[in-house]
Amino acid sequence: MAEAGSKEITQLLLELSNGNRAAVDALLPLIYDELRSLAANYLRRERPDHTLQPTALVHEAYLRMIDQTRANWQNRAHFFGVSAQMMRRILVDHARAHNAGKRGADFQKLSLEDNIDKAVERSSELIALDEALTDLAEIDEQKARIVELRYFGGLSAEETAEVLGVAAVTVKRHWRMARAWLYGRMKGD
């Protein structure tokens, strides 16, 4: 995104933080494509029969974020970082609901096919990853944010570095350490 566009987004977010609700209408066209790309990256890792589409995920996350009355948006990077977190929360909530349905809440007689088994397995893996990521955030918030932006958001190391305001080499180093920590945590579960 161009420097001018980034500054305009930051200015609109600051206006929104100061109570200017008209900034919402000006903000959405500037960030929509980037949010949709973020949502598409998240959904690429989801089960094949997932009911959410990128557009619906963007809309749900955007409405939740904009409706926050206490949000104090600092800049574009802060907004997209929170966007990634919000999308992750929405997907985890959907995975939990999906698993609850598979345990009998919405009982249906289904034939046993590989796709059904894989869908349940992916939902369970997402929940386990979310729990491990929450544990990592308690130990090292930055590493958890890097995982969130790289894995869920599909951002490159350079894009993640821009969002977090750190060097790309730092992102790469923390990414390796965080992946190893998460792998060990999930293998232990």
N, C-alpha and C. Protein backbone atom coordinates (compact mmCIF):
# COMPACT_ATOMS: atom_id res chain seq x y z
N MET A 1 0.85 -1.17 0.00
CA MET A 1 0.00 0.00 0.00
C MET A 1 0.89 1.23 0.00
N ALA A 2 0.50 2.26 -0.74
CA ALA A 2 1.28 3.48 -0.85
C ALA A 2 1.34 4.20 0.48
N GLU A 3 2.43 4.98 0.65
CA GLU A 3 2.63 5.75 1.89
C GLU A 3 1.47 6.69 2.15
N ALA A 4 0.96 7.37 1.09
CA ALA A 4 -0.15 8.31 1.27
C ALA A 4 -1.40 7.58 1.75
N GLY A 5 -1.67 6.41 1.19
CA GLY A 5 -2.83 5.62 1.59
C GLY A 5 -2.73 5.18 3.04
N SER A 6 -1.52 4.81 3.46
CA SER A 6 -1.29 4.40 4.83
C SER A 6 -1.52 5.56 5.80
N LYS A 7 -1.05 6.74 5.43
CA LYS A 7 -1.25 7.93 6.27
C LYS A 7 -2.73 8.30 6.34
N GLU A 8 -3.43 8.17 5.22
CA GLU A 8 -4.87 8.48 5.20
C GLU A 8 -5.64 7.51 6.10
N ILE A 9 -5.28 6.24 6.04
CA ILE A 9 -5.93 5.23 6.89
C ILE A 9 -5.68 5.56 8.36
N THR A 10 -4.44 5.86 8.69
CA THR A 10 -4.10 6.21 10.08
C THR A 10 -4.89 7.42 10.54
N GLN A 11 -4.99 8.44 9.68
CA GLN A 11 -5.74 9.65 10.04
C GLN A 11 -7.22 9.33 10.29
N LEU A 12 -7.81 8.53 9.43
CA LEU A 12 -9.22 8.15 9.61
C LEU A 12 -9.42 7.33 10.89
N LEU A 13 -8.47 6.46 11.20
CA LEU A 13 -8.57 5.66 12.42
C LEU A 13 -8.47 6.56 13.66
N LEU A 14 -7.61 7.55 13.60
CA LEU A 14 -7.50 8.49 14.72
C LEU A 14 -8.79 9.29 14.87
N GLU A 15 -9.39 9.70 13.75
CA GLU A 15 -10.67 10.41 13.80
C GLU A 15 -11.76 9.52 14.40
N LEU A 16 -11.77 8.26 14.00
CA LEU A 16 -12.74 7.31 14.54
C LEU A 16 -12.55 7.14 16.05
N SER A 17 -11.30 7.06 16.48
CA SER A 17 -11.00 6.96 17.92
C SER A 17 -11.49 8.18 18.68
N ASN A 18 -11.50 9.33 18.00
CA ASN A 18 -11.95 10.57 18.63
C ASN A 18 -13.45 10.78 18.52
N GLY A 19 -14.17 9.77 18.03
CA GLY A 19 -15.62 9.84 18.01
C GLY A 19 -16.26 10.26 16.70
N ASN A 20 -15.48 10.47 15.66
CA ASN A 20 -16.02 10.86 14.37
C ASN A 20 -16.53 9.62 13.63
N ARG A 21 -17.81 9.33 13.78
CA ARG A 21 -18.40 8.13 13.16
C ARG A 21 -18.45 8.22 11.64
N ALA A 22 -18.36 9.42 11.08
CA ALA A 22 -18.34 9.57 9.62
C ALA A 22 -17.07 8.98 9.02
N ALA A 23 -16.04 8.82 9.83
CA ALA A 23 -14.78 8.25 9.34
C ALA A 23 -14.96 6.79 8.91
N VAL A 24 -15.97 6.12 9.47
CA VAL A 24 -16.22 4.71 9.11
C VAL A 24 -16.50 4.58 7.62
N ASP A 25 -17.33 5.46 7.10
CA ASP A 25 -17.69 5.40 5.67
C ASP A 25 -16.49 5.65 4.77
N ALA A 26 -15.61 6.53 5.17
CA ALA A 26 -14.43 6.83 4.37
C ALA A 26 -13.36 5.74 4.51
N LEU A 27 -13.35 5.05 5.64
CA LEU A 27 -12.32 4.05 5.93
C LEU A 27 -12.50 2.75 5.14
N LEU A 28 -13.71 2.25 5.09
CA LEU A 28 -13.94 0.93 4.50
C LEU A 28 -13.40 0.78 3.07
N PRO A 29 -13.65 1.72 2.15
CA PRO A 29 -13.10 1.53 0.80
C PRO A 29 -11.57 1.46 0.76
N LEU A 30 -10.92 2.10 1.70
CA LEU A 30 -9.46 2.12 1.72
C LEU A 30 -8.86 0.82 2.24
N ILE A 31 -9.58 0.12 3.10
CA ILE A 31 -9.01 -1.08 3.74
C ILE A 31 -9.66 -2.38 3.30
N TYR A 32 -10.74 -2.29 2.55
CA TYR A 32 -11.52 -3.49 2.24
C TYR A 32 -10.70 -4.57 1.54
N ASP A 33 -9.99 -4.21 0.49
CA ASP A 33 -9.24 -5.22 -0.27
C ASP A 33 -8.18 -5.91 0.60
N GLU A 34 -7.53 -5.14 1.45
CA GLU A 34 -6.51 -5.72 2.32
C GLU A 34 -7.14 -6.64 3.37
N LEU A 35 -8.28 -6.23 3.91
CA LEU A 35 -8.99 -7.09 4.87
C LEU A 35 -9.47 -8.37 4.18
N ARG A 36 -9.96 -8.26 2.97
CA ARG A 36 -10.45 -9.44 2.25
C ARG A 36 -9.31 -10.41 1.96
N SER A 37 -8.15 -9.87 1.61
CA SER A 37 -6.97 -10.70 1.39
C SER A 37 -6.56 -11.41 2.67
N LEU A 38 -6.61 -10.71 3.78
CA LEU A 38 -6.31 -11.30 5.08
C LEU A 38 -7.29 -12.43 5.39
N ALA A 39 -8.57 -12.19 5.15
CA ALA A 39 -9.61 -13.20 5.39
C ALA A 39 -9.41 -14.42 4.50
N ALA A 40 -9.08 -14.19 3.24
CA ALA A 40 -8.85 -15.31 2.31
C ALA A 40 -7.67 -16.16 2.77
N ASN A 41 -6.63 -15.52 3.29
CA ASN A 41 -5.48 -16.26 3.80
C ASN A 41 -5.87 -17.12 5.00
N TYR A 42 -6.67 -16.58 5.87
CA TYR A 42 -7.16 -17.36 7.02
C TYR A 42 -7.95 -18.58 6.53
N LEU A 43 -8.85 -18.36 5.61
CA LEU A 43 -9.77 -19.42 5.19
C LEU A 43 -9.09 -20.50 4.35
N ARG A 44 -7.95 -20.21 3.75
CA ARG A 44 -7.21 -21.23 3.00
C ARG A 44 -6.80 -22.39 3.90
N ARG A 45 -6.63 -22.11 5.18
CA ARG A 45 -6.17 -23.13 6.12
C ARG A 45 -7.32 -23.83 6.83
N GLU A 46 -8.52 -23.48 6.48
CA GLU A 46 -9.70 -24.05 7.15
C GLU A 46 -10.16 -25.33 6.46
N ARG A 47 -11.10 -26.00 7.12
CA ARG A 47 -11.66 -27.23 6.56
C ARG A 47 -12.35 -26.92 5.23
N PRO A 48 -12.43 -27.88 4.33
CA PRO A 48 -12.98 -27.62 3.00
C PRO A 48 -14.46 -27.25 3.00
N ASP A 49 -15.22 -27.69 3.99
CA ASP A 49 -16.65 -27.41 4.00
C ASP A 49 -17.01 -26.21 4.87
N HIS A 50 -16.03 -25.34 5.10
CA HIS A 50 -16.27 -24.18 5.97
C HIS A 50 -17.38 -23.31 5.38
N THR A 51 -18.28 -22.84 6.23
CA THR A 51 -19.44 -22.07 5.76
C THR A 51 -19.13 -20.59 5.57
N LEU A 52 -18.09 -20.09 6.18
CA LEU A 52 -17.75 -18.68 6.01
C LEU A 52 -16.97 -18.46 4.72
N GLN A 53 -17.28 -17.39 4.04
CA GLN A 53 -16.53 -16.95 2.88
C GLN A 53 -15.71 -15.73 3.30
N PRO A 54 -14.66 -15.37 2.56
CA PRO A 54 -13.85 -14.22 2.94
C PRO A 54 -14.66 -12.94 3.15
N THR A 55 -15.62 -12.69 2.28
CA THR A 55 -16.43 -11.48 2.41
C THR A 55 -17.20 -11.46 3.72
N ALA A 56 -17.79 -12.58 4.09
CA ALA A 56 -18.55 -12.65 5.34
C ALA A 56 -17.63 -12.49 6.55
N LEU A 57 -16.45 -13.09 6.48
CA LEU A 57 -15.50 -12.96 7.57
C LEU A 57 -15.05 -11.51 7.74
N VAL A 58 -14.78 -10.83 6.63
CA VAL A 58 -14.40 -9.41 6.68
C VAL A 58 -15.52 -8.60 7.31
N HIS A 59 -16.74 -8.80 6.85
CA HIS A 59 -17.86 -8.01 7.35
C HIS A 59 -18.08 -8.23 8.85
N GLU A 60 -18.03 -9.49 9.27
CA GLU A 60 -18.25 -9.78 10.68
C GLU A 60 -17.14 -9.17 11.54
N ALA A 61 -15.90 -9.32 11.12
CA ALA A 61 -14.78 -8.75 11.88
C ALA A 61 -14.84 -7.22 11.88
N TYR A 62 -15.11 -6.63 10.74
CA TYR A 62 -15.15 -5.16 10.63
C TYR A 62 -16.25 -4.58 11.52
N LEU A 63 -17.42 -5.20 11.49
CA LEU A 63 -18.52 -4.70 12.33
C LEU A 63 -18.19 -4.80 13.81
N ARG A 64 -17.55 -5.89 14.21
CA ARG A 64 -17.17 -6.04 15.62
C ARG A 64 -16.15 -4.99 16.03
N MET A 65 -15.22 -4.70 15.13
CA MET A 65 -14.15 -3.76 15.47
C MET A 65 -14.65 -2.31 15.47
N ILE A 66 -15.45 -1.95 14.51
CA ILE A 66 -15.92 -0.57 14.39
C ILE A 66 -16.93 -0.25 15.48
N ASP A 67 -17.67 -1.25 15.93
CA ASP A 67 -18.67 -1.02 16.97
C ASP A 67 -18.05 -0.85 18.36
N GLN A 68 -16.77 -1.09 18.48
CA GLN A 68 -16.12 -0.91 19.78
C GLN A 68 -16.06 0.58 20.11
N THR A 69 -16.65 0.94 21.23
CA THR A 69 -16.67 2.35 21.60
C THR A 69 -15.40 2.77 22.31
N ARG A 70 -14.66 1.82 22.85
CA ARG A 70 -13.45 2.16 23.59
C ARG A 70 -12.18 1.95 22.77
N ALA A 71 -12.30 1.65 21.49
CA ALA A 71 -11.12 1.40 20.67
C ALA A 71 -10.33 2.70 20.51
N ASN A 72 -9.04 2.59 20.71
CA ASN A 72 -8.16 3.73 20.53
C ASN A 72 -7.15 3.34 19.46
N TRP A 73 -7.55 3.50 18.21
CA TRP A 73 -6.72 3.07 17.09
C TRP A 73 -5.48 3.95 17.02
N GLN A 74 -4.31 3.31 16.98
CA GLN A 74 -3.06 4.05 16.95
C GLN A 74 -2.61 4.35 15.53
N ASN A 75 -2.76 3.37 14.65
CA ASN A 75 -2.33 3.53 13.26
C ASN A 75 -2.83 2.34 12.44
N ARG A 76 -2.46 2.34 11.19
CA ARG A 76 -2.87 1.29 10.25
C ARG A 76 -2.39 -0.09 10.73
N ALA A 77 -1.15 -0.18 11.16
CA ALA A 77 -0.59 -1.47 11.60
C ALA A 77 -1.38 -2.01 12.80
N HIS A 78 -1.72 -1.16 13.72
CA HIS A 78 -2.52 -1.56 14.89
C HIS A 78 -3.87 -2.09 14.44
N PHE A 79 -4.51 -1.40 13.52
CA PHE A 79 -5.82 -1.81 13.02
C PHE A 79 -5.76 -3.20 12.37
N PHE A 80 -4.76 -3.42 11.51
CA PHE A 80 -4.68 -4.71 10.82
C PHE A 80 -4.26 -5.83 11.77
N GLY A 81 -3.47 -5.50 12.77
CA GLY A 81 -3.14 -6.49 13.79
C GLY A 81 -4.38 -6.93 14.55
N VAL A 82 -5.21 -5.97 14.94
CA VAL A 82 -6.46 -6.29 15.64
C VAL A 82 -7.41 -7.03 14.70
N SER A 83 -7.40 -6.66 13.43
CA SER A 83 -8.24 -7.35 12.44
C SER A 83 -7.89 -8.83 12.36
N ALA A 84 -6.59 -9.12 12.33
CA ALA A 84 -6.15 -10.52 12.28
C ALA A 84 -6.61 -11.26 13.52
N GLN A 85 -6.47 -10.62 14.69
CA GLN A 85 -6.93 -11.24 15.93
C GLN A 85 -8.42 -11.50 15.92
N MET A 86 -9.19 -10.53 15.45
CA MET A 86 -10.65 -10.66 15.42
C MET A 86 -11.07 -11.80 14.48
N MET A 87 -10.43 -11.89 13.33
CA MET A 87 -10.77 -12.96 12.39
C MET A 87 -10.44 -14.32 13.00
N ARG A 88 -9.31 -14.40 13.68
CA ARG A 88 -8.96 -15.66 14.35
C ARG A 88 -10.01 -16.03 15.38
N ARG A 89 -10.47 -15.08 16.18
CA ARG A 89 -11.50 -15.34 17.19
C ARG A 89 -12.79 -15.85 16.53
N ILE A 90 -13.19 -15.23 15.45
CA ILE A 90 -14.41 -15.63 14.74
C ILE A 90 -14.27 -17.06 14.23
N LEU A 91 -13.13 -17.38 13.64
CA LEU A 91 -12.92 -18.73 13.11
C LEU A 91 -12.85 -19.78 14.22
N VAL A 92 -12.24 -19.43 15.33
CA VAL A 92 -12.19 -20.37 16.46
C VAL A 92 -13.60 -20.60 17.00
N ASP A 93 -14.39 -19.53 17.11
CA ASP A 93 -15.78 -19.68 17.56
C ASP A 93 -16.56 -20.59 16.62
N HIS A 94 -16.36 -20.42 15.31
CA HIS A 94 -17.03 -21.28 14.34
C HIS A 94 -16.56 -22.74 14.47
N ALA A 95 -15.26 -22.92 14.70
CA ALA A 95 -14.73 -24.28 14.86
C ALA A 95 -15.32 -24.96 16.10
N ARG A 96 -15.43 -24.20 17.18
CA ARG A 96 -16.02 -24.77 18.40
C ARG A 96 -17.48 -25.14 18.16
N ALA A 97 -18.21 -24.28 17.48
CA ALA A 97 -19.62 -24.57 17.18
C ALA A 97 -19.72 -25.79 16.26
N HIS A 98 -18.81 -25.88 15.30
CA HIS A 98 -18.80 -27.01 14.38
C HIS A 98 -18.54 -28.31 15.14
N ASN A 99 -17.56 -28.29 16.04
CA ASN A 99 -17.26 -29.49 16.83
C ASN A 99 -18.40 -29.86 17.76
N ALA A 100 -19.05 -28.87 18.33
CA ALA A 100 -20.20 -29.15 19.20
C ALA A 100 -21.29 -29.85 18.40
N GLY A 101 -21.49 -29.41 17.17
CA GLY A 101 -22.48 -30.04 16.31
C GLY A 101 -22.12 -31.47 15.98
N LYS A 102 -20.84 -31.74 15.81
CA LYS A 102 -20.40 -33.10 15.49
C LYS A 102 -20.52 -34.03 16.70
N ARG A 103 -20.55 -33.44 17.91
CA ARG A 103 -20.69 -34.26 19.11
C ARG A 103 -22.14 -34.54 19.45
N GLY A 104 -23.06 -34.03 18.65
CA GLY A 104 -24.44 -34.40 18.89
C GLY A 104 -25.39 -33.25 19.11
N ALA A 105 -24.92 -32.02 19.19
CA ALA A 105 -25.82 -30.89 19.41
C ALA A 105 -26.81 -30.74 18.25
N ASP A 106 -26.34 -30.98 17.06
CA ASP A 106 -27.20 -30.94 15.87
C ASP A 106 -27.14 -32.32 15.21
N PHE A 107 -27.66 -33.31 15.86
CA PHE A 107 -27.53 -34.68 15.41
C PHE A 107 -28.09 -34.87 14.00
N GLN A 108 -27.25 -35.44 13.16
CA GLN A 108 -27.65 -35.85 11.82
C GLN A 108 -26.96 -37.18 11.54
N LYS A 109 -27.62 -38.02 10.80
CA LYS A 109 -26.98 -39.27 10.41
C LYS A 109 -26.17 -38.98 9.15
N LEU A 110 -24.86 -39.20 9.23
CA LEU A 110 -23.96 -38.92 8.12
C LEU A 110 -23.20 -40.18 7.76
N SER A 111 -22.89 -40.27 6.48
CA SER A 111 -22.04 -41.39 6.09
C SER A 111 -20.61 -41.04 6.46
N LEU A 112 -19.83 -42.05 6.78
CA LEU A 112 -18.45 -41.81 7.16
C LEU A 112 -17.60 -41.67 5.90
N GLU A 113 -17.18 -40.45 5.67
CA GLU A 113 -16.32 -40.16 4.53
C GLU A 113 -15.08 -39.46 5.04
N ASP A 114 -14.03 -39.54 4.27
CA ASP A 114 -12.78 -38.88 4.66
C ASP A 114 -12.97 -37.39 4.88
N ASN A 115 -13.78 -36.75 4.05
CA ASN A 115 -13.95 -35.29 4.17
C ASN A 115 -14.56 -34.90 5.51
N ILE A 116 -15.50 -35.68 6.00
CA ILE A 116 -16.12 -35.37 7.28
C ILE A 116 -15.09 -35.51 8.40
N ASP A 117 -14.34 -36.60 8.36
CA ASP A 117 -13.31 -36.81 9.38
C ASP A 117 -12.27 -35.70 9.34
N LYS A 118 -11.87 -35.30 8.15
CA LYS A 118 -10.87 -34.24 8.02
C LYS A 118 -11.42 -32.91 8.52
N ALA A 119 -12.70 -32.63 8.26
CA ALA A 119 -13.29 -31.37 8.71
C ALA A 119 -13.28 -31.28 10.23
N VAL A 120 -13.66 -32.37 10.90
CA VAL A 120 -13.65 -32.38 12.36
C VAL A 120 -12.22 -32.26 12.87
N GLU A 121 -11.29 -32.96 12.22
CA GLU A 121 -9.90 -32.92 12.63
C GLU A 121 -9.34 -31.51 12.49
N ARG A 122 -9.63 -30.82 11.39
CA ARG A 122 -9.14 -29.46 11.21
C ARG A 122 -9.73 -28.51 12.23
N SER A 123 -11.01 -28.67 12.55
CA SER A 123 -11.63 -27.82 13.56
C SER A 123 -10.95 -28.03 14.91
N SER A 124 -10.70 -29.29 15.25
CA SER A 124 -10.03 -29.60 16.52
C SER A 124 -8.61 -29.05 16.54
N GLU A 125 -7.91 -29.16 15.41
CA GLU A 125 -6.55 -28.63 15.32
C GLU A 125 -6.55 -27.12 15.49
N LEU A 126 -7.52 -26.44 14.90
CA LEU A 126 -7.60 -24.98 15.02
C LEU A 126 -7.81 -24.58 16.47
N ILE A 127 -8.68 -25.29 17.16
CA ILE A 127 -8.94 -24.99 18.57
C ILE A 127 -7.68 -25.24 19.40
N ALA A 128 -7.00 -26.35 19.14
CA ALA A 128 -5.76 -26.66 19.87
C ALA A 128 -4.70 -25.60 19.59
N LEU A 129 -4.57 -25.19 18.34
CA LEU A 129 -3.60 -24.15 17.97
C LEU A 129 -3.96 -22.84 18.66
N ASP A 130 -5.23 -22.51 18.70
CA ASP A 130 -5.66 -21.28 19.36
C ASP A 130 -5.29 -21.31 20.84
N GLU A 131 -5.51 -22.43 21.49
CA GLU A 131 -5.18 -22.55 22.91
C GLU A 131 -3.67 -22.44 23.13
N ALA A 132 -2.90 -23.09 22.27
CA ALA A 132 -1.44 -23.01 22.38
C ALA A 132 -0.95 -21.58 22.11
N LEU A 133 -1.56 -20.92 21.15
CA LEU A 133 -1.19 -19.55 20.82
C LEU A 133 -1.53 -18.60 21.97
N THR A 134 -2.64 -18.85 22.64
CA THR A 134 -3.00 -18.05 23.81
C THR A 134 -1.96 -18.25 24.92
N ASP A 135 -1.50 -19.49 25.11
CA ASP A 135 -0.44 -19.76 26.10
C ASP A 135 0.85 -19.05 25.71
N LEU A 136 1.20 -19.08 24.42
CA LEU A 136 2.41 -18.41 23.96
C LEU A 136 2.31 -16.90 24.19
N ALA A 137 1.13 -16.33 23.98
CA ALA A 137 0.95 -14.89 24.18
C ALA A 137 1.19 -14.49 25.63
N GLU A 138 0.89 -15.38 26.56
CA GLU A 138 1.14 -15.09 27.97
C GLU A 138 2.64 -15.06 28.26
N ILE A 139 3.41 -15.83 27.50
CA ILE A 139 4.85 -15.90 27.69
C ILE A 139 5.55 -14.81 26.86
N ASP A 140 5.15 -14.70 25.59
CA ASP A 140 5.80 -13.76 24.68
C ASP A 140 4.78 -13.26 23.66
N GLU A 141 4.22 -12.10 23.94
CA GLU A 141 3.17 -11.51 23.10
C GLU A 141 3.63 -11.31 21.65
N GLN A 142 4.86 -10.85 21.47
CA GLN A 142 5.34 -10.56 20.12
C GLN A 142 5.42 -11.83 19.27
N LYS A 143 5.91 -12.90 19.84
CA LYS A 143 5.99 -14.15 19.08
C LYS A 143 4.58 -14.64 18.70
N ALA A 144 3.64 -14.50 19.62
CA ALA A 144 2.26 -14.90 19.32
C ALA A 144 1.68 -14.05 18.19
N ARG A 145 1.96 -12.75 18.20
CA ARG A 145 1.46 -11.86 17.14
C ARG A 145 2.08 -12.23 15.80
N ILE A 146 3.36 -12.60 15.82
CA ILE A 146 4.03 -12.99 14.58
C ILE A 146 3.38 -14.24 14.01
N VAL A 147 3.10 -15.22 14.86
CA VAL A 147 2.43 -16.44 14.39
C VAL A 147 1.06 -16.08 13.82
N GLU A 148 0.34 -15.26 14.52
CA GLU A 148 -0.99 -14.87 14.08
C GLU A 148 -0.96 -14.20 12.70
N LEU A 149 -0.05 -13.27 12.53
CA LEU A 149 0.03 -12.55 11.26
C LEU A 149 0.59 -13.42 10.14
N ARG A 150 1.58 -14.25 10.44
CA ARG A 150 2.19 -15.07 9.40
C ARG A 150 1.32 -16.27 9.06
N TYR A 151 0.91 -17.03 10.07
CA TYR A 151 0.17 -18.26 9.81
C TYR A 151 -1.28 -17.98 9.43
N PHE A 152 -1.97 -17.26 10.27
CA PHE A 152 -3.38 -17.00 10.01
C PHE A 152 -3.57 -15.92 8.96
N GLY A 153 -2.80 -14.86 9.05
CA GLY A 153 -2.96 -13.74 8.14
C GLY A 153 -2.28 -13.94 6.80
N GLY A 154 -1.35 -14.88 6.72
CA GLY A 154 -0.66 -15.15 5.47
C GLY A 154 0.31 -14.05 5.06
N LEU A 155 0.73 -13.22 6.01
CA LEU A 155 1.66 -12.15 5.68
C LEU A 155 3.08 -12.69 5.57
N SER A 156 3.87 -12.06 4.75
CA SER A 156 5.28 -12.42 4.64
C SER A 156 6.02 -11.89 5.86
N ALA A 157 7.28 -12.29 6.00
CA ALA A 157 8.08 -11.78 7.12
C ALA A 157 8.22 -10.27 7.02
N GLU A 158 8.39 -9.76 5.82
CA GLU A 158 8.56 -8.32 5.62
C GLU A 158 7.26 -7.57 5.95
N GLU A 159 6.12 -8.10 5.53
CA GLU A 159 4.83 -7.47 5.85
C GLU A 159 4.56 -7.51 7.35
N THR A 160 4.89 -8.62 7.97
CA THR A 160 4.71 -8.76 9.42
C THR A 160 5.60 -7.75 10.15
N ALA A 161 6.82 -7.60 9.68
CA ALA A 161 7.75 -6.64 10.28
C ALA A 161 7.18 -5.22 10.18
N GLU A 162 6.58 -4.90 9.05
CA GLU A 162 5.98 -3.57 8.88
C GLU A 162 4.83 -3.36 9.85
N VAL A 163 3.98 -4.35 9.98
CA VAL A 163 2.83 -4.23 10.89
C VAL A 163 3.30 -4.06 12.33
N LEU A 164 4.32 -4.81 12.72
CA LEU A 164 4.78 -4.79 14.12
C LEU A 164 5.83 -3.72 14.40
N GLY A 165 6.38 -3.13 13.33
CA GLY A 165 7.39 -2.09 13.53
C GLY A 165 8.72 -2.64 14.00
N VAL A 166 9.08 -3.82 13.51
CA VAL A 166 10.37 -4.43 13.85
C VAL A 166 11.08 -4.82 12.56
N ALA A 167 12.32 -5.27 12.68
CA ALA A 167 13.08 -5.71 11.51
C ALA A 167 12.60 -7.07 11.03
N ALA A 168 12.70 -7.29 9.73
CA ALA A 168 12.29 -8.58 9.15
C ALA A 168 13.11 -9.73 9.72
N VAL A 169 14.40 -9.49 10.00
CA VAL A 169 15.24 -10.55 10.57
C VAL A 169 14.73 -10.94 11.96
N THR A 170 14.22 -10.00 12.71
CA THR A 170 13.64 -10.29 14.03
C THR A 170 12.40 -11.16 13.86
N VAL A 171 11.57 -10.81 12.90
CA VAL A 171 10.37 -11.61 12.63
C VAL A 171 10.74 -13.04 12.27
N LYS A 172 11.72 -13.20 11.40
CA LYS A 172 12.13 -14.54 10.97
C LYS A 172 12.66 -15.36 12.16
N ARG A 173 13.46 -14.74 13.01
CA ARG A 173 14.01 -15.44 14.17
C ARG A 173 12.89 -15.84 15.14
N HIS A 174 12.01 -14.90 15.45
CA HIS A 174 10.90 -15.20 16.38
C HIS A 174 9.93 -16.21 15.77
N TRP A 175 9.74 -16.16 14.46
CA TRP A 175 8.86 -17.10 13.77
C TRP A 175 9.37 -18.53 13.95
N ARG A 176 10.68 -18.73 13.78
CA ARG A 176 11.27 -20.07 13.96
C ARG A 176 11.09 -20.55 15.40
N MET A 177 11.38 -19.68 16.36
CA MET A 177 11.26 -20.06 17.77
C MET A 177 9.80 -20.35 18.15
N ALA A 178 8.89 -19.51 17.68
CA ALA A 178 7.47 -19.69 18.01
C ALA A 178 6.93 -20.98 17.42
N ARG A 179 7.30 -21.27 16.17
CA ARG A 179 6.83 -22.53 15.56
C ARG A 179 7.32 -23.73 16.34
N ALA A 180 8.59 -23.71 16.75
CA ALA A 180 9.14 -24.83 17.52
C ALA A 180 8.41 -24.96 18.86
N TRP A 181 8.14 -23.84 19.53
CA TRP A 181 7.44 -23.86 20.81
C TRP A 181 6.02 -24.41 20.64
N LEU A 182 5.32 -23.94 19.61
CA LEU A 182 3.94 -24.39 19.36
C LEU A 182 3.92 -25.87 19.01
N TYR A 183 4.87 -26.31 18.20
CA TYR A 183 4.94 -27.71 17.84
C TYR A 183 5.10 -28.58 19.09
N GLY A 184 6.01 -28.18 19.95
CA GLY A 184 6.23 -28.93 21.20
C GLY A 184 4.99 -28.92 22.09
N ARG A 185 4.33 -27.79 22.18
CA ARG A 185 3.13 -27.66 23.01
C ARG A 185 2.00 -28.53 22.45
N MET A 186 1.82 -28.50 21.15
CA MET A 186 0.69 -29.26 20.56
C MET A 186 0.99 -30.77 20.57
N LYS A 187 2.25 -31.14 20.43
CA LYS A 187 2.60 -32.57 20.50
C LYS A 187 2.38 -33.09 21.91
N GLY A 188 2.59 -32.23 22.91
CA GLY A 188 2.43 -32.63 24.30
C GLY A 188 0.97 -32.78 24.70
N ASP A 189 0.03 -32.11 23.95
CA ASP A 189 -1.39 -32.16 24.29
C ASP A 189 -1.98 -33.45 23.89
